[in-house]
Amino acid sequence: MNLVDLVKDQLTSQVLGSLGSLINASESDTRSATNAAVPALLGGLAKLASSPGGAGQIASALGGLDLGALGNLAGLLGGSNASRLGDQGGSLLGSLFGTSATSKMVETIAGFLGMKPGIARSLLAYLAPIVLGMVAKQFTGGRADAAGLQRLFADQGDNIRRAIPAGLSLGDFGAVAPQGGHGRDYREPAKSGFPAWLPLVLLPLLAFGAWYLMNRDKEARKAVVIEEEMKRGPVTVDRTEVIEREGKKLADTVIETISIDPKFVEAVRLSKNATELFGGLTKALTGVTSVETARTAIPELEKLGPVLTGVQSEAEQLSGEEKTAFGEFVTKNLGLLQKVIDTAMAIPGVKEILGPVVTPMLDTIRKLGA
């Protein structure tokens, strides 16, 4: 049994076509992307399952899956519940791996595949429930426990490592421990010549040394990122402004430089992700000129749901000053987005169609700027 192949077997041409439509990619590009994303996700889960606590987290997440719905991926991804699946996947990524590790995975896969981080994040969000659903199916009734998950991922370690494409390195996030234990090639460690009490004396010193090195390296890495951001300068946003001329709705492109102190590294990075979100919403809504085009815009708006969920999740992890800086960025852009929304909603019949989709998204964005 090969867990990677079992997941890929579910990704038929029809499923890949639907998934490609959701992330705005061709079927062939989506297939290439999933060939990297599926083993990467499994590698992350295997790393998490290497500890009893992490395995318990996975077991808890599996209990919240609807395995019946996941058995019909073509219908699920091609129907109205697709955005809900993406939202669920975004929440799973955040709860299992945390904001930092998820962002690292998104950026690494995006760089490897040459795609925008927002698209990579959406892809991972849609795939996460699918991958976890296949993991759950390896257990009777989908009821997995921590010990069973540890055995499963230990047995699948070689398969996962072989499936990761050459050149894709996820570092510690996707590190899968070599197979071992379970009675195979295990030898009792040789006895050490050190007295048994020595580790007890050294342990506090080692712990302090590890803490010091970890924090020193963390600050050094942040200093490098800050230096790079300083060289790049303030965030530049390419926006589309909706204006009225002679009774006709027109769209003008506006290039605006929005300054955020580069020392707020996470806020700067998250602002760039939010820029992609604002741009997607603006593009979808400026195309609305009638009831018919409003209906056409709904799938495009739903694709942005996982992106918004990801931005919201990461914003919650920002520190006080960084959260303030990011909130100011959101507030500054919200005025333009509100203008775009008001223009679209003023068209007869459009508010009834777009309101249920746009209003919750707008409420979430307002909270980000609060």
Foldseek 3Di string as FASTA:
>chain_A
DALLVVLVVVCDLLLLCLLCVLLVHHSVLSNVLCLALLLQLLLLLLLLLLDLVLLQLLLVLLVPADLVLLVCSSDCSNDPNVLVQLLSLLVSCCSRPNLVLLQLVLVLSCVVSVHDSLSSLSSSSNCRSSSSSSVLVVDVVSRDHSVRSNVVLLVNQVSSVVSNDPPRDSPSSRDHDHRDDPPPPDDDDDDDPDDPCVCVVCVVVVVVVVVVVVVVVVVVVLVVLLVVDVVVFFDKAWAWFWDADPNDIDIDIDIDGDGDRSNLVLLRVLLVLVSVLLRQLLVLLSQQDAQVSLVVSVSSLSSCSSSLSSSLSSLVVGDDVSLQRNLVSLVVSLVRSVVSVVVNCVHPPNCVRCVVRVVVSNVSSNVSND
